Amino acid sequence: MSAATPLLEPAAEPAGRGRPELSRYAVHLGLVAATLAVLLVGRIHPQWEDVQLGLPLAQSQAAVATVIPRTEEGALPTPEPVATLAPEAMIRRGAIPYTYEPDLPVHEFATHVVEKGETPNGVAELYGIAPSTLLFGNPDLSNEAQRFQIGITLTVLPMDGALHTVVASETLESIAEMYGVEPQVVVGYGDNHLEKWPHRPVPGTQLFIPGGEQQLLVWSYTPNTPRGTVSASSYYDGPIVVAGRGSFVWPTDSWRMTQYYWWAHRAIDIGAPVGTPVYASDGGTVIYAGWSAIGYGNLLALDHGNGFQTYYAHLSSIWVSTGQFVGQGVPIAAVGNTGNSSGPHLHFEIRYMGNLLNPLEYLW
């Protein structure tokens, strides 16, 4: 190599480029400066800005976000919500469309106003239904038709059956069992409006029970009979004279029958003018003589001492007193129209051990 050859010098760096070490130092210094700036801003503004919930600015301000205050040491405490979302930003739960809303029964029954001289049998025959249906459709009538009287308005059911008023503790099954029918019979009558499952009857409404029958109760007085139905002074519970023959004479001078014995009226009614004498059908002791508030009006009852008793109702006057013994065929009272009666007549019953018998099978 020639001594005159010059030494190689390092190539000059292009303009604008610095050393790599200086560039890294500059980045680090920038990060430190940014951190210091954030801390300085935090000191000047003691609260963070509202957190944007991804909503437009107006909604974000209305929907108050969590505000996190700084402590003096600069630590961030656990945030606590200070308000809820505005109504327009909330998600609402929809209505449940499965609430049970039953339809109420709608009935349009015919009615009948009782006129003078009418009987349950006659009214029932007029509308082509059984006499028992006339009673079962009218709770105000007693089970023995004793509340049948002039001027009352009767409900006439469209066919044989019964009308039932639902109480809170009852179900379709219990109601059907009460009347001796299947539940579907009650559901199948359209005006009951029980088609919707679960066929739930509404308390206080009335259901028509096609073909339904009720158990008939026989009223009798005892020393424990509720007050208001009989007069306590009219009842006798002393010794009974055994005098009955077991055979019975016709109890009045009239032979005109206005109502016969049937299973819901277990007696006979004998039409006669007011004041017509009534006779003891058999010898016995007077165990009741007075007013009865259950429809009999003035009532007289004899106990014949052999298991038989006879009842005489709707009397205009009573001629004997309780505890008195009377012989067969003796006048004891007069025909009347008292109590629930549609005309002057004698309501006459024969009972044996509490069971009502057909008087026509025992009278002579």
Protein backbone atom coordinates (compact mmCIF):
# COMPACT_ATOMS: atom_id res chain seq x y z
CA MET A 1 0.00 0.00 0.00
CA SER A 2 1.38 3.44 -0.82
CA ALA A 3 2.05 5.72 2.09
CA ALA A 4 0.31 8.45 0.22
CA THR A 5 -3.08 6.58 0.32
CA PRO A 6 -5.41 8.39 2.70
CA LEU A 7 -7.13 6.55 5.64
CA LEU A 8 -10.88 5.67 5.29
CA GLU A 9 -13.19 7.96 7.32
CA PRO A 10 -16.62 6.83 8.64
CA ALA A 11 -19.48 7.71 6.27
CA ALA A 12 -21.53 10.69 7.36
CA GLU A 13 -25.12 9.86 8.65
CA PRO A 14 -27.96 11.11 6.53
CA ALA A 15 -29.59 14.29 7.69
CA GLY A 16 -32.45 13.82 10.23
CA ARG A 17 -31.26 10.53 11.74
CA GLY A 18 -29.78 10.44 15.21
CA ARG A 19 -28.17 7.77 17.23
CA PRO A 20 -30.41 4.80 18.30
CA GLU A 21 -29.48 5.24 21.93
CA LEU A 22 -30.74 8.82 21.89
CA SER A 23 -34.09 7.78 20.31
CA ARG A 24 -34.79 5.23 23.09
CA TYR A 25 -33.90 7.81 25.71
CA ALA A 26 -36.34 10.24 24.15
CA VAL A 27 -39.22 7.67 24.24
CA HIS A 28 -38.56 6.87 27.89
CA LEU A 29 -38.43 10.52 28.81
CA GLY A 30 -41.74 11.08 26.97
CA LEU A 31 -43.48 8.30 28.95
CA VAL A 32 -42.19 9.68 32.23
CA ALA A 33 -43.40 13.14 31.27
CA ALA A 34 -46.88 11.80 30.37
CA THR A 35 -47.15 9.95 33.68
CA LEU A 36 -46.18 13.06 35.60
CA ALA A 37 -48.76 15.06 33.65
CA VAL A 38 -51.56 12.53 34.55
CA LEU A 39 -50.62 12.65 38.22
CA LEU A 40 -50.54 16.43 38.13
CA VAL A 41 -54.01 16.58 36.56
CA GLY A 42 -55.33 14.15 39.21
CA ARG A 43 -54.06 16.49 41.91
CA ILE A 44 -55.75 19.47 40.33
CA HIS A 45 -59.10 17.61 39.61
CA PRO A 46 -60.02 15.53 42.68
CA GLN A 47 -62.68 13.44 40.84
CA TRP A 48 -62.60 11.28 37.78
CA GLU A 49 -64.69 12.31 34.86
CA ASP A 50 -68.05 10.54 34.37
CA VAL A 51 -67.71 7.12 32.87
CA GLN A 52 -69.33 7.01 29.44
CA LEU A 53 -71.69 3.99 29.23
CA GLY A 54 -71.55 3.69 25.52
CA LEU A 55 -74.48 6.12 25.31
CA PRO A 56 -74.73 9.53 23.66
CA LEU A 57 -73.47 12.34 25.86
CA ALA A 58 -76.93 13.55 26.91
CA GLN A 59 -78.02 10.03 27.97
CA SER A 60 -74.72 9.39 29.71
CA GLN A 61 -75.17 12.49 31.82
CA ALA A 62 -78.77 11.56 32.63
CA ALA A 63 -77.74 8.01 33.54
CA VAL A 64 -75.48 8.99 36.40
CA ALA A 65 -72.33 6.86 36.41
CA THR A 66 -70.15 5.75 39.26
CA VAL A 67 -68.11 8.62 40.70
CA ILE A 68 -64.83 7.61 42.38
CA PRO A 69 -63.30 10.26 44.70
CA ARG A 70 -59.62 10.15 45.52
CA THR A 71 -58.32 10.02 49.03
CA GLU A 72 -55.63 12.37 50.25
CA GLU A 73 -53.02 9.66 49.71
CA GLY A 74 -54.14 9.23 46.13
CA ALA A 75 -55.59 5.72 46.55
CA LEU A 76 -58.83 4.86 44.76
CA PRO A 77 -61.52 3.62 47.21
CA THR A 78 -64.18 1.03 46.33
CA PRO A 79 -66.73 2.76 44.11
CA GLU A 80 -70.33 3.08 45.29
CA PRO A 81 -73.23 3.73 42.90
CA VAL A 82 -74.97 7.01 43.62
CA ALA A 83 -77.97 6.64 41.30
CA THR A 84 -79.71 4.30 38.87
CA LEU A 85 -80.15 4.41 35.15
CA ALA A 86 -82.71 6.78 33.75
CA PRO A 87 -86.04 5.07 32.76
CA GLU A 88 -85.30 5.29 29.03
CA ALA A 89 -82.01 3.42 29.56
CA MET A 90 -83.56 0.57 31.59
CA ILE A 91 -84.66 -2.86 30.36
CA ARG A 92 -88.25 -3.56 31.45
CA ARG A 93 -89.72 -6.98 32.16
CA GLY A 94 -92.64 -7.85 29.94
CA ALA A 95 -96.08 -8.94 31.21
CA ILE A 96 -96.74 -12.65 31.80
CA PRO A 97 -99.61 -13.61 29.45
CA TYR A 98 -100.75 -16.70 31.40
CA THR A 99 -102.92 -15.23 34.22
CA TYR A 100 -106.16 -17.25 34.70
CA GLU A 101 -109.22 -15.06 34.12
CA PRO A 102 -112.39 -17.15 34.43
CA ASP A 103 -115.63 -16.34 32.63
CA LEU A 104 -118.61 -15.90 34.94
CA PRO A 105 -121.80 -17.96 34.52
CA VAL A 106 -124.61 -16.16 32.69
CA HIS A 107 -128.11 -17.61 33.14
CA GLU A 108 -131.44 -16.44 31.76
CA PHE A 109 -134.02 -18.49 33.66
CA ALA A 110 -137.77 -18.08 33.36
CA THR A 111 -139.66 -16.91 36.45
CA HIS A 112 -143.15 -17.57 37.79
CA VAL A 113 -145.17 -15.61 40.37
CA VAL A 114 -147.30 -17.91 42.53
CA GLU A 115 -151.04 -17.21 42.39
CA LYS A 116 -153.84 -18.24 44.70
CA GLY A 117 -154.59 -21.94 44.64
CA GLU A 118 -151.39 -23.01 42.87
CA THR A 119 -149.25 -25.91 44.11
CA PRO A 120 -145.63 -26.89 43.40
CA ASN A 121 -146.86 -29.87 41.40
CA GLY A 122 -149.11 -27.72 39.25
CA VAL A 123 -146.45 -25.10 38.53
CA ALA A 124 -143.87 -27.78 37.71
CA GLU A 125 -146.30 -29.48 35.32
CA LEU A 126 -146.97 -26.12 33.64
CA TYR A 127 -143.27 -25.82 32.70
CA GLY A 128 -142.60 -29.50 32.01
CA ILE A 129 -140.18 -30.10 34.90
CA ALA A 130 -140.27 -32.31 37.97
CA PRO A 131 -141.68 -30.79 41.19
CA SER A 132 -138.33 -31.46 42.86
CA THR A 133 -136.59 -29.32 40.23
CA LEU A 134 -138.87 -26.44 41.18
CA LEU A 135 -137.64 -26.76 44.77
CA PHE A 136 -133.98 -27.27 43.88
CA GLY A 137 -133.99 -24.10 41.79
CA ASN A 138 -135.38 -21.98 44.64
CA PRO A 139 -133.37 -22.04 47.87
CA ASP A 140 -136.09 -20.03 49.65
CA LEU A 141 -138.41 -23.02 49.43
CA SER A 142 -138.06 -25.60 52.14
CA ASN A 143 -137.28 -29.17 51.23
CA GLU A 144 -140.92 -30.03 51.84
CA ALA A 145 -142.35 -27.11 49.84
CA GLN A 146 -143.44 -25.36 53.04
CA ARG A 147 -142.34 -21.90 51.78
CA PHE A 148 -144.55 -22.06 48.71
CA GLN A 149 -147.00 -19.17 49.05
CA ILE A 150 -148.90 -16.56 47.06
CA GLY A 151 -146.83 -13.74 45.58
CA ILE A 152 -143.36 -15.27 45.70
CA THR A 153 -141.33 -15.32 42.47
CA LEU A 154 -139.97 -18.72 41.53
CA THR A 155 -136.98 -19.47 39.33
CA VAL A 156 -137.92 -22.02 36.67
CA LEU A 157 -134.94 -24.11 35.56
CA PRO A 158 -134.74 -25.10 31.86
CA MET A 159 -134.65 -28.83 32.61
CA ASP A 160 -134.58 -31.20 35.56
CA GLY A 161 -131.66 -30.44 37.83
CA ALA A 162 -130.58 -28.07 40.57
CA LEU A 163 -129.17 -24.57 40.99
CA HIS A 164 -126.07 -24.30 43.19
CA THR A 165 -124.40 -21.21 44.69
CA VAL A 166 -120.61 -21.70 44.84
CA VAL A 167 -118.76 -21.09 48.12
CA ALA A 168 -115.03 -20.46 48.49
CA SER A 169 -114.02 -23.93 49.67
CA GLU A 170 -115.73 -25.83 46.84
CA THR A 171 -114.28 -27.32 43.67
CA LEU A 172 -115.95 -28.57 40.52
CA GLU A 173 -115.43 -32.14 41.70
CA SER A 174 -116.93 -31.56 45.15
CA ILE A 175 -119.97 -29.79 43.68
CA ALA A 176 -120.59 -32.58 41.17
CA GLU A 177 -120.32 -35.21 43.90
CA MET A 178 -122.78 -33.29 46.07
CA TYR A 179 -125.45 -33.59 43.36
CA GLY A 180 -124.60 -37.08 42.17
CA VAL A 181 -123.34 -36.18 38.67
CA GLU A 182 -120.03 -36.28 36.81
CA PRO A 183 -117.96 -33.06 36.63
CA GLN A 184 -118.19 -33.00 32.83
CA VAL A 185 -121.98 -32.71 33.11
CA VAL A 186 -121.53 -29.36 34.87
CA VAL A 187 -118.80 -28.23 32.45
CA GLY A 188 -120.89 -29.29 29.46
CA TYR A 189 -123.73 -26.89 30.28
CA GLY A 190 -122.58 -23.87 28.25
CA ASP A 191 -124.10 -21.09 30.39
CA ASN A 192 -121.94 -22.22 33.33
CA HIS A 193 -118.89 -20.97 31.34
CA LEU A 194 -116.50 -23.53 32.77
CA GLU A 195 -114.85 -24.49 29.47
CA LYS A 196 -111.52 -22.90 30.42
CA TRP A 197 -109.06 -25.18 32.13
CA PRO A 198 -108.79 -25.71 35.10
CA HIS A 199 -112.62 -25.37 35.26
CA ARG A 200 -112.41 -23.29 38.42
CA PRO A 201 -115.86 -22.20 39.76
CA VAL A 202 -116.02 -18.64 41.10
CA PRO A 203 -117.36 -18.20 44.68
CA GLY A 204 -120.67 -16.38 44.82
CA THR A 205 -121.77 -17.41 41.32
CA GLN A 206 -124.50 -19.92 40.53
CA LEU A 207 -124.07 -23.12 38.52
CA PHE A 208 -126.86 -25.14 36.96
CA ILE A 209 -126.40 -28.86 37.64
CA PRO A 210 -128.27 -30.82 34.93
CA GLY A 211 -129.86 -33.91 36.45
CA GLY A 212 -128.60 -32.97 39.92
CA GLU A 213 -130.58 -33.86 43.03
CA GLN A 214 -130.27 -32.70 46.62
CA GLN A 215 -130.81 -34.65 49.77
CA LEU A 216 -134.13 -33.76 51.36
CA LEU A 217 -134.20 -32.94 55.06
CA VAL A 218 -137.18 -33.51 57.32
CA TRP A 219 -137.82 -30.81 59.90
CA SER A 220 -138.77 -31.96 63.37
CA TYR A 221 -138.76 -30.12 66.63
CA THR A 222 -136.83 -31.18 69.72
CA PRO A 223 -135.89 -29.39 72.95
CA ASN A 224 -132.67 -28.36 71.10
CA THR A 225 -134.41 -26.83 68.08
CA PRO A 226 -132.82 -23.40 67.37
CA ARG A 227 -134.69 -20.44 68.80
CA GLY A 228 -136.87 -18.61 66.33
CA THR A 229 -138.16 -21.73 64.58
CA VAL A 230 -140.54 -22.82 67.35
CA SER A 231 -141.88 -21.43 70.59
CA ALA A 232 -140.25 -23.17 73.55
CA SER A 233 -143.48 -22.89 75.56
CA SER A 234 -145.29 -24.81 72.81
CA TYR A 235 -143.16 -27.91 73.08
CA TYR A 236 -143.90 -30.79 75.46
CA ASP A 237 -141.33 -33.45 76.38
CA GLY A 238 -143.05 -35.11 79.34
CA PRO A 239 -144.64 -38.59 79.64
CA ILE A 240 -146.49 -39.88 76.58
CA VAL A 241 -149.72 -41.84 76.88
CA VAL A 242 -149.55 -45.05 74.84
CA ALA A 243 -152.89 -44.87 73.10
CA GLY A 244 -152.29 -45.14 69.35
CA ARG A 245 -153.99 -47.91 67.40
CA GLY A 246 -151.73 -47.67 64.37
CA SER A 247 -154.72 -46.95 62.15
CA PHE A 248 -155.78 -43.40 61.24
CA VAL A 249 -159.09 -41.72 60.43
CA TRP A 250 -159.49 -38.93 57.84
CA PRO A 251 -158.50 -35.71 59.68
CA THR A 252 -161.19 -33.29 58.38
CA ASP A 253 -164.64 -33.19 56.79
CA SER A 254 -163.32 -32.23 53.35
CA TRP A 255 -162.08 -34.81 50.86
CA ARG A 256 -160.71 -32.38 48.26
CA MET A 257 -157.02 -33.08 47.69
CA THR A 258 -154.93 -30.10 46.54
CA GLN A 259 -151.54 -31.81 46.70
CA TYR A 260 -150.62 -35.45 46.98
CA TYR A 261 -147.70 -37.17 48.63
CA TRP A 262 -144.48 -37.16 46.62
CA TRP A 263 -140.86 -37.57 47.57
CA ALA A 264 -140.22 -33.83 48.03
CA HIS A 265 -143.60 -33.17 49.72
CA ARG A 266 -144.14 -36.10 52.02
CA ALA A 267 -147.59 -35.19 53.20
CA ILE A 268 -151.04 -34.56 51.77
CA ASP A 269 -152.83 -31.21 51.47
CA ILE A 270 -156.60 -31.20 51.93
CA GLY A 271 -158.41 -28.09 50.70
CA ALA A 272 -161.19 -26.78 52.95
CA PRO A 273 -162.68 -23.43 54.05
CA VAL A 274 -161.08 -21.61 56.97
CA GLY A 275 -162.61 -22.81 60.24
CA THR A 276 -163.39 -26.35 59.06
CA PRO A 277 -162.84 -28.71 62.06
CA VAL A 278 -159.67 -30.83 62.21
CA TYR A 279 -159.81 -34.16 64.09
CA ALA A 280 -157.16 -36.25 65.84
CA SER A 281 -156.39 -38.98 63.33
CA ASP A 282 -155.45 -41.33 66.19
CA GLY A 283 -155.42 -41.05 69.98
CA GLY A 284 -152.31 -39.46 71.50
CA THR A 285 -150.57 -36.73 73.50
CA VAL A 286 -150.22 -33.15 72.24
CA ILE A 287 -146.46 -32.56 72.01
CA TYR A 288 -146.56 -29.30 70.07
CA ALA A 289 -149.21 -26.60 69.79
CA GLY A 290 -148.23 -23.17 68.53
CA TRP A 291 -146.58 -21.12 65.81
CA SER A 292 -143.79 -22.53 63.65
CA ALA A 293 -141.53 -20.07 61.82
CA ILE A 294 -140.37 -22.52 59.17
CA GLY A 295 -143.53 -22.30 57.06
CA TYR A 296 -146.05 -24.51 58.88
CA GLY A 297 -147.83 -21.54 60.42
CA ASN A 298 -149.96 -22.66 63.37
CA LEU A 299 -148.90 -26.24 63.98
CA LEU A 300 -150.26 -29.08 66.10
CA ALA A 301 -148.45 -32.40 66.62
CA LEU A 302 -149.56 -35.56 68.37
CA ASP A 303 -147.37 -38.40 69.65
CA HIS A 304 -149.31 -41.66 69.68
CA GLY A 305 -146.89 -43.52 71.96
CA ASN A 306 -146.19 -46.36 69.50
CA GLY A 307 -143.57 -44.72 67.25
CA PHE A 308 -146.17 -42.81 65.22
CA GLN A 309 -146.71 -39.04 65.20
CA THR A 310 -149.14 -36.90 63.21
CA TYR A 311 -148.68 -33.24 62.16
CA TYR A 312 -151.47 -30.75 61.37
CA ALA A 313 -150.30 -27.45 59.80
CA HIS A 314 -151.57 -24.03 58.56
CA LEU A 315 -154.28 -24.01 61.21
CA SER A 316 -156.46 -20.96 61.90
CA SER A 317 -156.89 -21.92 65.54
CA ILE A 318 -155.80 -24.63 67.98
CA TRP A 319 -158.27 -26.02 70.50
CA VAL A 320 -155.99 -28.15 72.72
CA SER A 321 -152.81 -27.51 74.74
CA THR A 322 -149.43 -29.23 75.08
CA GLY A 323 -149.34 -32.29 77.32
CA GLN A 324 -153.04 -32.93 76.88
CA PHE A 325 -154.28 -36.39 75.89
CA VAL A 326 -156.87 -36.56 73.08
CA GLY A 327 -158.80 -39.53 71.74
CA GLN A 328 -159.13 -40.59 68.12
CA GLY A 329 -161.63 -38.46 66.15
CA VAL A 330 -161.76 -35.65 68.76
CA PRO A 331 -161.83 -32.07 67.30
CA ILE A 332 -158.45 -30.44 67.99
CA ALA A 333 -158.15 -27.44 65.64
CA ALA A 334 -159.55 -25.60 62.60
CA VAL A 335 -158.34 -25.42 58.98
CA GLY A 336 -156.56 -22.19 58.14
CA ASN A 337 -154.21 -20.39 55.75
CA THR A 338 -151.36 -19.46 58.10
CA GLY A 339 -147.65 -19.71 57.41
CA ASN A 340 -146.48 -20.27 53.86
CA SER A 341 -149.71 -21.24 52.18
CA SER A 342 -151.31 -20.40 48.84
CA GLY A 343 -154.86 -21.06 50.04
CA PRO A 344 -156.89 -22.53 52.94
CA HIS A 345 -155.96 -26.17 53.48
CA LEU A 346 -154.77 -28.74 56.00
CA HIS A 347 -151.21 -30.00 55.62
CA PHE A 348 -151.26 -33.49 57.16
CA GLU A 349 -148.31 -35.78 57.87
CA ILE A 350 -147.87 -39.24 59.35
CA ARG A 351 -144.40 -40.04 60.71
CA TYR A 352 -143.03 -43.29 62.07
CA MET A 353 -139.73 -43.19 64.01
CA GLY A 354 -138.95 -39.88 62.30
CA ASN A 355 -139.67 -41.08 58.75
CA LEU A 356 -142.49 -39.46 56.77
CA LEU A 357 -144.94 -41.96 55.33
CA ASN A 358 -147.62 -41.66 52.65
CA PRO A 359 -150.79 -40.89 54.63
CA LEU A 360 -152.99 -42.37 51.92
CA GLU A 361 -151.56 -45.80 52.73
CA TYR A 362 -152.70 -45.55 56.39
CA LEU A 363 -155.91 -43.51 56.38
CA TRP A 364 -159.42 -45.01 56.28
